[in-house]
N, C-alpha and C. Protein backbone atom coordinates (compact mmCIF):
# COMPACT_ATOMS: atom_id res chain seq x y z
N UNK A 1 0.71 -1.07 -0.03
CA UNK A 1 0.31 0.01 -0.09
C UNK A 1 0.90 1.24 -0.15
N UNK A 2 0.46 2.03 -0.62
CA UNK A 2 1.20 3.47 -0.75
C UNK A 2 0.09 4.60 -0.23
N UNK A 3 0.92 5.79 0.10
CA UNK A 3 0.53 6.75 0.80
C UNK A 3 0.92 7.80 0.13
N UNK A 4 -0.22 8.56 -0.34
CA UNK A 4 0.06 10.09 -0.91
C UNK A 4 -0.77 11.33 -0.13
N UNK A 5 -0.05 12.34 0.07
CA UNK A 5 -0.68 13.69 0.46
C UNK A 5 -0.83 14.47 -0.97
N UNK A 6 -1.80 15.00 -1.37
CA UNK A 6 -2.39 15.77 -1.86
C UNK A 6 -3.22 17.21 -1.51
N UNK A 7 -3.13 18.19 -2.25
CA UNK A 7 -3.55 19.06 -1.68
C UNK A 7 -5.28 19.09 -3.30
N UNK A 8 -6.17 19.45 -2.82
CA UNK A 8 -7.25 19.56 -3.87
C UNK A 8 -7.75 20.95 -4.21
N UNK A 9 -7.67 21.62 -4.77
CA UNK A 9 -8.55 22.86 -4.93
C UNK A 9 -9.91 23.36 -6.10
N UNK A 10 -10.94 23.57 -5.74
CA UNK A 10 -12.02 23.37 -6.07
C UNK A 10 -13.17 24.72 -6.34
N UNK A 11 -13.91 25.04 -7.20
CA UNK A 11 -14.43 26.03 -7.23
C UNK A 11 -16.06 25.43 -6.45
N UNK A 12 -16.37 26.83 -6.13
CA UNK A 12 -17.99 26.66 -5.26
C UNK A 12 -18.96 25.30 -6.25
N UNK A 13 -18.73 25.25 -7.52
CA UNK A 13 -19.86 24.25 -7.95
C UNK A 13 -19.81 23.19 -7.65
N UNK A 14 -18.42 22.25 -7.15
CA UNK A 14 -18.14 21.40 -7.04
C UNK A 14 -18.82 21.00 -5.40
N UNK A 15 -18.68 21.96 -4.72
CA UNK A 15 -18.87 21.84 -3.21
C UNK A 15 -20.25 20.80 -2.88
N UNK A 16 -21.29 20.66 -3.68
CA UNK A 16 -22.25 19.70 -3.18
C UNK A 16 -21.93 18.56 -3.66
N UNK A 17 -20.73 18.07 -4.31
CA UNK A 17 -20.41 16.73 -4.68
C UNK A 17 -19.43 15.95 -3.90
N UNK A 18 -20.01 14.76 -3.55
CA UNK A 18 -19.50 13.91 -2.79
C UNK A 18 -18.00 13.57 -3.33
N UNK A 19 -17.20 14.06 -3.48
CA UNK A 19 -15.75 13.81 -4.40
C UNK A 19 -14.97 12.88 -3.53
N UNK A 20 -14.84 13.45 -2.10
CA UNK A 20 -13.80 12.33 -1.64
C UNK A 20 -14.50 10.83 -0.83
N UNK A 21 -15.85 10.60 -0.81
CA UNK A 21 -16.44 9.63 -0.51
C UNK A 21 -16.09 8.85 -2.11
N UNK A 22 -16.87 9.56 -2.90
CA UNK A 22 -16.60 9.05 -4.09
C UNK A 22 -15.53 7.92 -4.68
N UNK A 23 -13.84 9.19 -4.62
CA UNK A 23 -12.90 9.02 -4.51
C UNK A 23 -12.45 7.42 -3.66
N UNK A 24 -13.02 7.24 -2.38
CA UNK A 24 -12.70 5.98 -1.69
C UNK A 24 -13.50 5.10 -2.06
N UNK A 25 -14.44 4.96 -2.26
CA UNK A 25 -15.27 4.34 -2.86
C UNK A 25 -15.07 3.65 -4.15
N UNK A 26 -14.97 4.46 -5.17
CA UNK A 26 -14.83 3.90 -6.77
C UNK A 26 -13.71 3.51 -6.90
N UNK A 27 -12.43 4.09 -6.56
CA UNK A 27 -10.94 3.52 -6.72
C UNK A 27 -10.53 2.95 -5.39
N UNK A 28 -11.57 2.44 -3.90
CA UNK A 28 -10.73 1.51 -3.12
C UNK A 28 -9.04 2.51 -2.53
N UNK A 29 -9.98 3.12 -2.39
CA UNK A 29 -8.75 4.21 -1.54
C UNK A 29 -9.48 4.41 0.07
N UNK A 30 -8.15 4.28 1.42
CA UNK A 30 -8.45 5.05 2.36
C UNK A 30 -8.29 6.71 2.03
N UNK A 31 -9.18 7.29 2.71
CA UNK A 31 -8.98 8.82 2.73
C UNK A 31 -8.85 9.12 3.94
N UNK A 32 -8.23 10.50 4.19
CA UNK A 32 -8.07 10.80 5.49
C UNK A 32 -8.09 12.78 5.11
N UNK A 33 -8.88 13.41 5.86
CA UNK A 33 -8.49 14.85 5.51
C UNK A 33 -7.65 15.15 6.51
N UNK A 34 -6.82 15.72 5.90
CA UNK A 34 -5.57 16.42 6.72
C UNK A 34 -5.86 17.71 7.73
N UNK A 35 -6.37 18.49 6.68
CA UNK A 35 -6.82 20.21 6.65
C UNK A 35 -7.55 20.28 5.40
N UNK A 36 -8.70 21.36 6.12
CA UNK A 36 -9.49 22.00 4.64
C UNK A 36 -9.91 23.26 5.04
N UNK A 37 -10.22 24.00 4.00
CA UNK A 37 -10.79 25.44 3.97
C UNK A 37 -11.59 25.79 2.91
N UNK A 38 -12.84 25.85 3.33
CA UNK A 38 -14.36 25.86 2.46
C UNK A 38 -14.89 27.46 2.49
N UNK A 39 -15.11 27.69 1.59
CA UNK A 39 -15.97 29.15 1.14
C UNK A 39 -16.83 28.78 0.40
N UNK A 40 -18.18 29.88 -0.02
CA UNK A 40 -19.25 29.75 -0.61
C UNK A 40 -18.85 29.30 -2.26
N UNK A 41 -17.42 30.01 -2.19
CA UNK A 41 -17.06 30.06 -3.84
C UNK A 41 -16.06 29.38 -3.85
N UNK A 42 -15.39 28.40 -3.27
CA UNK A 42 -14.03 27.90 -3.55
C UNK A 42 -13.73 27.16 -2.01
N UNK A 43 -12.70 26.45 -2.21
CA UNK A 43 -12.31 25.51 -1.39
C UNK A 43 -11.01 24.92 -1.59
N UNK A 44 -10.31 24.29 -0.50
CA UNK A 44 -8.85 23.32 -0.74
C UNK A 44 -9.21 22.38 0.33
N UNK A 45 -8.59 21.11 0.31
CA UNK A 45 -8.24 20.41 0.86
C UNK A 45 -7.31 19.56 0.89
N UNK A 46 -6.70 19.20 2.06
CA UNK A 46 -5.27 18.31 1.90
C UNK A 46 -5.80 16.79 2.62
N UNK A 47 -5.54 15.79 1.48
CA UNK A 47 -5.74 14.35 1.85
C UNK A 47 -5.07 13.74 1.37
N UNK A 48 -5.05 12.76 2.45
CA UNK A 48 -4.37 11.46 2.66
C UNK A 48 -4.87 10.51 1.49
N UNK A 49 -4.54 9.75 0.78
CA UNK A 49 -4.63 8.49 0.45
C UNK A 49 -3.70 7.44 0.05
N UNK A 50 -4.44 6.58 0.52
CA UNK A 50 -3.83 5.09 0.78
C UNK A 50 -4.39 4.18 -0.40
N UNK A 51 -3.66 3.66 -0.89
CA UNK A 51 -4.02 2.66 -1.71
C UNK A 51 -2.89 1.83 -2.73
N UNK A 52 -3.45 0.96 -3.62
CA UNK A 52 -2.22 0.62 -4.79
C UNK A 52 -1.94 1.88 -5.35
N UNK A 53 -0.83 1.91 -6.40
CA UNK A 53 0.00 3.23 -6.75
C UNK A 53 -1.25 3.34 -7.62
N UNK A 54 -1.85 1.97 -8.75
CA UNK A 54 -2.53 2.64 -9.79
C UNK A 54 -3.69 2.88 -9.60
N UNK A 55 -4.63 2.70 -8.33
CA UNK A 55 -5.56 3.06 -7.85
C UNK A 55 -5.64 4.49 -7.39
N UNK A 56 -4.49 4.58 -6.65
CA UNK A 56 -4.27 6.84 -6.52
C UNK A 56 -4.16 7.05 -7.77
N UNK A 57 -3.24 6.80 -8.67
CA UNK A 57 -3.34 7.67 -10.22
C UNK A 57 -4.77 7.43 -10.91
N UNK A 58 -5.50 6.69 -10.74
CA UNK A 58 -6.55 6.65 -11.40
C UNK A 58 -7.74 7.73 -10.69
N UNK A 59 -7.77 7.81 -9.26
CA UNK A 59 -8.53 8.43 -8.54
C UNK A 59 -8.46 10.01 -8.45
N UNK A 60 -6.73 10.02 -8.92
CA UNK A 60 -6.30 11.59 -8.93
C UNK A 60 -6.61 11.90 -10.44
N UNK A 61 -6.32 10.91 -11.67
CA UNK A 61 -7.14 11.70 -12.93
C UNK A 61 -8.67 12.01 -12.61
N UNK A 62 -8.96 11.09 -12.33
CA UNK A 62 -10.59 11.26 -12.22
C UNK A 62 -11.16 12.45 -11.35
N UNK A 63 -10.20 12.97 -10.59
CA UNK A 63 -10.52 14.05 -9.66
C UNK A 63 -10.00 15.33 -10.99
N UNK A 64 -9.28 14.87 -11.30
CA UNK A 64 -8.92 16.38 -12.14
C UNK A 64 -10.23 16.34 -13.48
N UNK A 65 -10.17 15.14 -13.84
CA UNK A 65 -11.65 15.35 -14.93
C UNK A 65 -12.41 15.95 -14.26
N UNK A 66 -12.94 16.03 -13.01
CA UNK A 66 -14.43 16.68 -12.53
C UNK A 66 -13.81 17.87 -12.17
N UNK A 67 -12.61 18.71 -12.67
CA UNK A 67 -12.19 20.42 -12.83
C UNK A 67 -11.39 20.67 -11.75
N UNK A 68 -11.17 19.62 -10.61
CA UNK A 68 -10.40 19.80 -9.58
C UNK A 68 -8.92 20.00 -9.87
N UNK A 69 -8.40 21.12 -9.38
CA UNK A 69 -6.66 21.09 -9.36
C UNK A 69 -6.26 20.09 -8.24
N UNK A 70 -5.04 19.49 -8.36
CA UNK A 70 -4.52 18.00 -7.65
C UNK A 70 -3.29 18.57 -7.56
N UNK A 71 -2.22 18.84 -6.83
CA UNK A 71 -1.31 19.13 -6.48
C UNK A 71 -0.63 18.60 -4.98
N UNK A 72 0.50 17.14 -5.77
CA UNK A 72 0.87 16.43 -4.61
C UNK A 72 1.67 17.22 -3.55
N UNK A 73 1.86 16.62 -2.60
CA UNK A 73 2.51 17.54 -1.47
C UNK A 73 3.57 16.56 -0.63
N UNK A 74 3.07 15.52 -1.14
CA UNK A 74 4.25 14.13 -0.67
C UNK A 74 3.67 12.85 -1.19
N UNK A 75 4.79 11.88 -1.02
CA UNK A 75 4.32 10.51 -1.95
C UNK A 75 5.06 9.72 -0.20
N UNK A 76 4.41 8.70 -0.01
CA UNK A 76 5.02 7.93 0.78
C UNK A 76 4.95 8.48 2.22
N UNK A 77 4.35 9.03 2.36
CA UNK A 77 4.02 9.59 3.94
C UNK A 77 4.31 8.79 5.20
């Protein structure tokens, strides 16, 4: 199992979507919110992802396709 910490940045229209739940369920990842800040217009979350490398990559690709920005903070926490 690999752990990776990422920062997801998103606009207000994505606030009502269960992105973190979906990434955990659809890509078989364990998620842990490390830190977050959300307003009406935008937000960011620092999220730990744990799972197989290919599932983490697939989850990140999916999140990007939803319109979020993803920055890797660290690999192998």
